[in-house]
Structures are given as structure tokens and as C-alpha cells.
């Protein structure tokens, strides 16, 4: 809706004093435009809030406070999520932990919410069960390396942590020893911590993206912790084959965080 003097004319107040009439007309015009802007902003904010709730509970409060943090604070300081140049600059031994031989096709990230790390589409109930089962099998097969605990980064879900007596890689301290978690209250995407070489491969293959707050110092004051550059989002698997690839990457995450190649 556009406002022009002609459209506003029927609503302007008549006055015997030209100066008073001009002031009254200006006030009405300002109030009218301000009201229209306020209504449109409020409607847009409400729609965005409903989208935020549709993603399910996560690391931020599942209420208007969490929405405000994600939309009005984090969105302003979030970084670009697909660049891999910084991975080249991070020095680390070896060639990464992800086993070779599995082709990773691309073209996955077109409908993702960059800041909230969620998508608007969902995987089937069967795929959800398969992914959770694979996570359980991984932990059960490696009790000396990893264990389940409530997620510190996501909340409302179980996460893979390093076992208590595992020293872990240097990044483990920054991650509070949390290795990987499924967004089980939402779209079933997965967060992992990977060797920089593996981050680069996953992102360039179209299977994931960096966290928008990686390296952002303000994150510590907003969400309580910093996000390392090796923290990567994996898109939710849509098929059994994709689930196997995702689990291959999760195993690589365990190997990197535990600083070992010995995972079942």
C-alpha cells in the first residue's frame, strides 16, 4: 500500500489557520505511515516467530526470547557458511579422518535457515528411526571412547560425548567434549566436529555447511560458549544410502575429537 497526498486528503483535518492545518496534516500523515510500517513489521515478525517454533526446541529457549536472540541478535553477527578458505589456513596433521571411497554428491542446502541451522522440509519416520539406531550402535560399539549425555549445545536431545577418561583433541575443550548430536526435536539434521580437511570436503560436496557463529566472539556472551570453525551442520539424510554417508562422517567426527582412528 503506497501513501500519496491524494489518498490522504480525505483524512486530513480542516483548519481556519493555515499553520495549524499544515501541522495537523503532517501529524496525521506521520502517524498513518508509522502505523502501516508498525503493522507490517509486526506481521513479518509474527510469521518469522511461527517459523522459529516450527523448527522445534534447540539450543536457544523455545519461546519469544529465543526467537529474539536468533532473529535480532545472531542474524546480525552471523557469518557466511559455505566458504572453505579458512579450512586451508588451519594447520593439522594428517589427511583428515573421514574414510575414503564414498562418493558425496552435492546440491543439498537450498532451503536451510542459515542462522537457526534448520530446514523447512522433513524426513520420514523410518529415516528418523534408522539414524537414531545408527547413533545408538556407534556408541554401543565404542564404550571406551564415547558415551551418550544430554546435549549442552542443543538441549532437548541426547548427544555423543567423549568418554570421561579420553583426553581428546584440543578442540574438545572448546566443544565441552560434545562430539555430535541429532536435531531430534526438529528436522533430524546433525551437528559434528570435523578435521578441517573433512570440513572442506563435506561442504564442497554439498552435504553440509559451517556454523554461522563459528569464530564469532559475541556468541560466548549470547549463548554461553564459542563455536569452533570445525563445527559443521550435516543436512538430514533422505535415504538409507544418505544415512550411511552421514554415519561415515559422524565416525570421522568421533575419530577427530578422540584423536584416534580406532572406531568400530
Protein backbone atom coordinates (compact mmCIF):
# COMPACT_ATOMS: atom_id res chain seq x y z
CA UNK A 1 0.00 0.00 0.00
CA UNK A 2 1.51 3.32 -1.05
CA UNK A 3 0.50 6.59 0.55
CA UNK A 4 0.20 9.73 -1.56
CA UNK A 5 -1.11 13.18 -0.68
CA UNK A 6 -4.17 12.49 -2.83
CA UNK A 7 -5.03 9.31 -0.91
CA UNK A 8 -4.52 11.00 2.44
CA UNK A 9 -6.57 14.07 1.54
CA UNK A 10 -9.96 12.73 2.78
CA UNK A 11 -8.45 12.11 6.22
CA UNK A 12 -6.78 15.47 6.71
CA UNK A 13 -8.33 17.90 9.19
CA UNK A 14 -9.66 21.24 8.00
CA UNK A 15 -8.50 24.31 9.90
CA UNK A 16 -9.02 28.05 9.66
CA UNK A 17 -5.35 28.55 10.50
CA UNK A 18 -3.00 27.58 7.64
CA UNK A 19 -0.13 26.85 10.04
CA UNK A 20 -2.34 24.72 12.32
CA UNK A 21 -3.83 22.91 9.34
CA UNK A 22 -0.35 22.16 8.00
CA UNK A 23 0.80 20.86 11.40
CA UNK A 24 -2.29 18.69 11.81
CA UNK A 25 -1.94 17.24 8.33
CA UNK A 26 1.73 16.45 8.87
CA UNK A 27 0.96 14.74 12.18
CA UNK A 28 -1.77 12.61 10.62
CA UNK A 29 0.47 11.67 7.70
CA UNK A 30 3.32 10.67 10.02
CA UNK A 31 1.02 8.67 12.28
CA UNK A 32 -0.60 6.95 9.30
CA UNK A 33 2.71 5.95 7.75
CA UNK A 34 4.08 4.90 11.14
CA UNK A 35 1.02 2.73 11.80
CA UNK A 36 1.33 0.99 8.44
CA UNK A 37 5.04 0.32 8.99
CA UNK A 38 4.38 -0.96 12.52
CA UNK A 39 1.65 -3.34 11.35
CA UNK A 40 3.78 -4.73 8.53
CA UNK A 41 6.82 -5.22 10.77
CA UNK A 42 4.67 -6.88 13.44
CA UNK A 43 3.12 -9.28 10.91
CA UNK A 44 6.54 -10.16 9.47
CA UNK A 45 7.93 -10.76 12.97
CA UNK A 46 4.97 -12.97 13.86
CA UNK A 47 5.42 -15.07 10.72
CA UNK A 48 9.14 -15.46 11.48
CA UNK A 49 8.35 -16.41 15.07
CA UNK A 50 6.00 -19.15 13.86
CA UNK A 51 8.77 -20.44 11.58
CA UNK A 52 11.17 -20.44 14.55
CA UNK A 53 8.73 -22.54 16.59
CA UNK A 54 8.16 -24.93 13.68
CA UNK A 55 11.83 -26.00 13.83
CA UNK A 56 11.30 -27.48 17.29
CA UNK A 57 13.28 -26.93 20.52
CA UNK A 58 17.03 -26.47 20.18
CA UNK A 59 19.93 -24.73 21.85
CA UNK A 60 18.09 -21.44 22.34
CA UNK A 61 14.98 -21.02 24.52
CA UNK A 62 11.88 -22.32 22.77
CA UNK A 63 9.95 -19.08 23.22
CA UNK A 64 9.90 -15.46 22.13
CA UNK A 65 13.21 -14.81 23.93
CA UNK A 66 14.95 -17.49 21.86
CA UNK A 67 13.37 -16.13 18.69
CA UNK A 68 14.57 -12.61 19.52
CA UNK A 69 18.13 -13.84 20.10
CA UNK A 70 18.23 -15.79 16.82
CA UNK A 71 16.47 -13.19 14.69
CA UNK A 72 17.55 -9.85 16.09
CA UNK A 73 20.99 -10.56 17.56
CA UNK A 74 22.62 -13.61 15.98
CA UNK A 75 21.39 -12.79 12.50
CA UNK A 76 23.30 -9.51 12.65
CA UNK A 77 26.63 -11.12 13.53
CA UNK A 78 26.31 -14.43 11.67
CA UNK A 79 28.96 -15.27 9.08
CA UNK A 80 28.88 -16.78 5.60
CA UNK A 81 28.59 -20.57 5.89
CA UNK A 82 29.83 -22.14 2.64
CA UNK A 83 33.37 -20.80 2.27
CA UNK A 84 36.16 -23.32 2.87
CA UNK A 85 39.15 -20.99 2.52
CA UNK A 86 39.67 -20.79 6.28
CA UNK A 87 39.95 -24.59 6.46
CA UNK A 88 43.09 -24.41 4.35
CA UNK A 89 44.64 -21.99 6.84
CA UNK A 90 44.03 -24.25 9.86
CA UNK A 91 47.13 -26.39 10.37
CA UNK A 92 46.60 -30.00 11.42
CA UNK A 93 48.43 -33.25 10.93
CA UNK A 94 47.34 -35.99 8.54
CA UNK A 95 44.78 -36.00 5.77
CA UNK A 96 41.61 -35.99 7.81
CA UNK A 97 39.66 -38.77 9.48
CA UNK A 98 36.87 -39.47 7.01
CA UNK A 99 37.40 -42.85 5.28
CA UNK A 100 37.88 -42.51 1.55
CA UNK A 101 35.95 -44.28 -1.18
CA UNK A 102 32.44 -42.92 -0.61
CA UNK A 103 31.16 -40.53 -3.24
CA UNK A 104 29.38 -37.49 -1.81
CA UNK A 105 27.07 -35.84 -4.31
CA UNK A 106 26.06 -32.21 -3.86
CA UNK A 107 23.10 -29.89 -4.16
CA UNK A 108 21.59 -30.16 -0.69
CA UNK A 109 21.45 -26.78 1.03
CA UNK A 110 18.94 -24.62 -0.85
CA UNK A 111 16.19 -24.42 1.78
CA UNK A 112 18.15 -24.07 5.01
CA UNK A 113 17.74 -21.38 7.64
CA UNK A 114 21.29 -20.05 7.83
CA UNK A 115 21.23 -18.84 11.44
CA UNK A 116 18.99 -21.47 13.03
CA UNK A 117 20.61 -24.39 11.19
CA UNK A 118 17.27 -25.98 10.36
CA UNK A 119 15.33 -26.66 7.20
CA UNK A 120 11.67 -26.40 6.30
CA UNK A 121 11.26 -29.95 4.96
CA UNK A 122 11.25 -33.17 6.94
CA UNK A 123 12.45 -36.76 6.62
CA UNK A 124 10.25 -39.81 7.08
CA UNK A 125 9.61 -41.51 10.41
CA UNK A 126 11.51 -44.56 9.14
CA UNK A 127 14.60 -42.50 8.30
CA UNK A 128 14.49 -40.86 11.72
CA UNK A 129 14.44 -44.28 13.38
CA UNK A 130 17.32 -45.53 11.24
CA UNK A 131 19.50 -42.52 12.04
CA UNK A 132 18.87 -42.81 15.78
CA UNK A 133 19.55 -46.55 15.64
CA UNK A 134 22.88 -45.96 13.88
CA UNK A 135 23.86 -43.41 16.54
CA UNK A 136 23.00 -45.93 19.27
CA UNK A 137 25.00 -48.67 17.55
CA UNK A 138 28.02 -46.38 17.23
CA UNK A 139 28.02 -45.53 20.94
CA UNK A 140 27.36 -49.14 21.99
CA UNK A 141 30.28 -50.35 19.84
CA UNK A 142 32.73 -47.79 21.26
CA UNK A 143 32.05 -47.54 25.03
CA UNK A 144 35.69 -46.82 25.82
CA UNK A 145 35.70 -43.77 23.53
CA UNK A 146 32.22 -42.20 23.55
CA UNK A 147 29.04 -42.05 25.60
CA UNK A 148 25.57 -40.51 25.48
CA UNK A 149 24.76 -37.48 27.60
CA UNK A 150 22.20 -34.66 27.37
CA UNK A 151 23.39 -32.17 24.77
CA UNK A 152 24.93 -28.96 26.09
CA UNK A 153 24.73 -27.18 22.75
CA UNK A 154 21.28 -28.20 21.52
CA UNK A 155 19.33 -29.20 24.61
CA UNK A 156 16.23 -31.42 24.48
CA UNK A 157 18.23 -34.27 22.92
CA UNK A 158 20.97 -36.80 23.64
CA UNK A 159 24.41 -36.18 22.21
CA UNK A 160 27.59 -38.16 21.71
CA UNK A 161 30.31 -37.07 24.15
CA UNK A 162 33.85 -38.27 24.66
CA UNK A 163 34.14 -40.82 27.44
CA UNK A 164 35.39 -39.38 30.72
CA UNK A 165 38.89 -40.89 30.51
CA UNK A 166 39.55 -39.89 26.87
CA UNK A 167 41.86 -36.83 26.67
CA UNK A 168 40.53 -35.75 23.30
CA UNK A 169 41.79 -33.35 20.67
CA UNK A 170 42.47 -29.67 21.55
CA UNK A 171 39.10 -28.60 20.13
CA UNK A 172 37.30 -30.94 22.56
CA UNK A 173 37.69 -28.44 25.40
CA UNK A 174 36.07 -25.66 23.38
CA UNK A 175 33.22 -28.03 22.46
CA UNK A 176 32.75 -29.06 26.12
CA UNK A 177 33.66 -32.59 24.91
CA UNK A 178 30.46 -32.83 22.83
CA UNK A 179 31.10 -34.68 19.56
CA UNK A 180 27.85 -34.93 17.61
CA UNK A 181 24.10 -34.61 18.04
CA UNK A 182 20.93 -35.18 16.06
CA UNK A 183 18.37 -32.39 15.95
CA UNK A 184 15.84 -34.96 17.12
CA UNK A 185 13.19 -32.40 18.09
CA UNK A 186 13.25 -30.90 14.61
CA UNK A 187 14.43 -31.90 11.15
CA UNK A 188 17.00 -34.60 12.09
CA UNK A 189 19.97 -32.77 10.69
CA UNK A 190 23.23 -33.50 12.51
CA UNK A 191 25.99 -31.39 14.03
CA UNK A 192 29.54 -32.76 14.04
CA UNK A 193 33.07 -31.55 14.75
CA UNK A 194 35.42 -32.50 11.92
CA UNK A 195 39.04 -32.18 10.95
CA UNK A 196 39.44 -29.09 8.72
CA UNK A 197 40.19 -31.28 5.69
CA UNK A 198 36.96 -33.18 6.25
CA UNK A 199 35.02 -29.94 6.79
CA UNK A 200 36.24 -28.76 3.42
CA UNK A 201 35.27 -31.99 1.71
CA UNK A 202 31.80 -32.15 3.29
CA UNK A 203 30.96 -28.51 2.49
CA UNK A 204 32.28 -28.59 -1.06
CA UNK A 205 30.38 -31.83 -1.70
CA UNK A 206 27.13 -30.15 -0.68
CA UNK A 207 26.47 -32.30 2.39
CA UNK A 208 26.74 -29.59 4.97
CA UNK A 209 27.74 -26.09 5.98
CA UNK A 210 29.73 -24.27 8.62
CA UNK A 211 28.03 -22.88 11.69
CA UNK A 212 27.14 -19.19 11.17
CA UNK A 213 28.65 -18.28 14.54
CA UNK A 214 31.98 -20.06 14.17
CA UNK A 215 34.72 -17.73 15.30
CA UNK A 216 32.23 -15.06 16.44
CA UNK A 217 33.35 -13.93 19.92
CA UNK A 218 29.93 -12.45 20.73
CA UNK A 219 28.48 -15.98 20.74
CA UNK A 220 30.04 -16.66 24.14
CA UNK A 221 28.06 -13.82 25.71
CA UNK A 222 24.81 -14.67 23.93
CA UNK A 223 24.65 -18.48 24.04
CA UNK A 224 27.34 -19.21 26.65
CA UNK A 225 30.08 -20.75 24.52
CA UNK A 226 32.18 -20.12 21.44
CA UNK A 227 31.77 -22.12 18.25
CA UNK A 228 34.93 -23.61 16.68
CA UNK A 229 35.45 -23.41 12.94
CA UNK A 230 35.37 -27.21 12.77
CA UNK A 231 31.71 -27.30 13.90
CA UNK A 232 29.68 -28.38 10.86
CA UNK A 233 25.99 -28.98 10.15
CA UNK A 234 25.14 -32.10 8.11
CA UNK A 235 21.87 -31.99 6.21
CA UNK A 236 19.25 -34.55 7.23
CA UNK A 237 19.52 -37.83 5.28
CA UNK A 238 16.60 -38.62 2.98
CA UNK A 239 17.50 -42.19 2.03
CA UNK A 240 19.21 -45.21 3.55
CA UNK A 241 22.27 -44.57 1.41
CA UNK A 242 22.49 -40.97 2.64
CA UNK A 243 22.17 -42.22 6.22
CA UNK A 244 25.21 -44.45 5.70
CA UNK A 245 27.19 -41.49 4.38
CA UNK A 246 26.13 -39.33 7.32
CA UNK A 247 27.23 -42.02 9.76
CA UNK A 248 30.55 -42.28 7.99
CA UNK A 249 31.07 -38.58 8.66
CA UNK A 250 29.92 -38.98 12.29
CA UNK A 251 32.54 -41.71 12.76
CA UNK A 252 35.12 -39.32 11.34
CA UNK A 253 33.96 -36.77 13.92
CA UNK A 254 34.47 -39.27 16.74
CA UNK A 255 37.94 -40.07 15.41
CA UNK A 256 38.90 -36.41 15.22
CA UNK A 257 37.60 -35.47 18.65
CA UNK A 258 39.08 -38.57 20.33
CA UNK A 259 42.27 -38.21 18.29
CA UNK A 260 42.11 -41.84 17.16
CA UNK A 261 41.33 -43.86 14.07
CA UNK A 262 40.21 -46.84 16.18
CA UNK A 263 36.40 -46.61 15.97
CA UNK A 264 34.08 -49.52 15.22
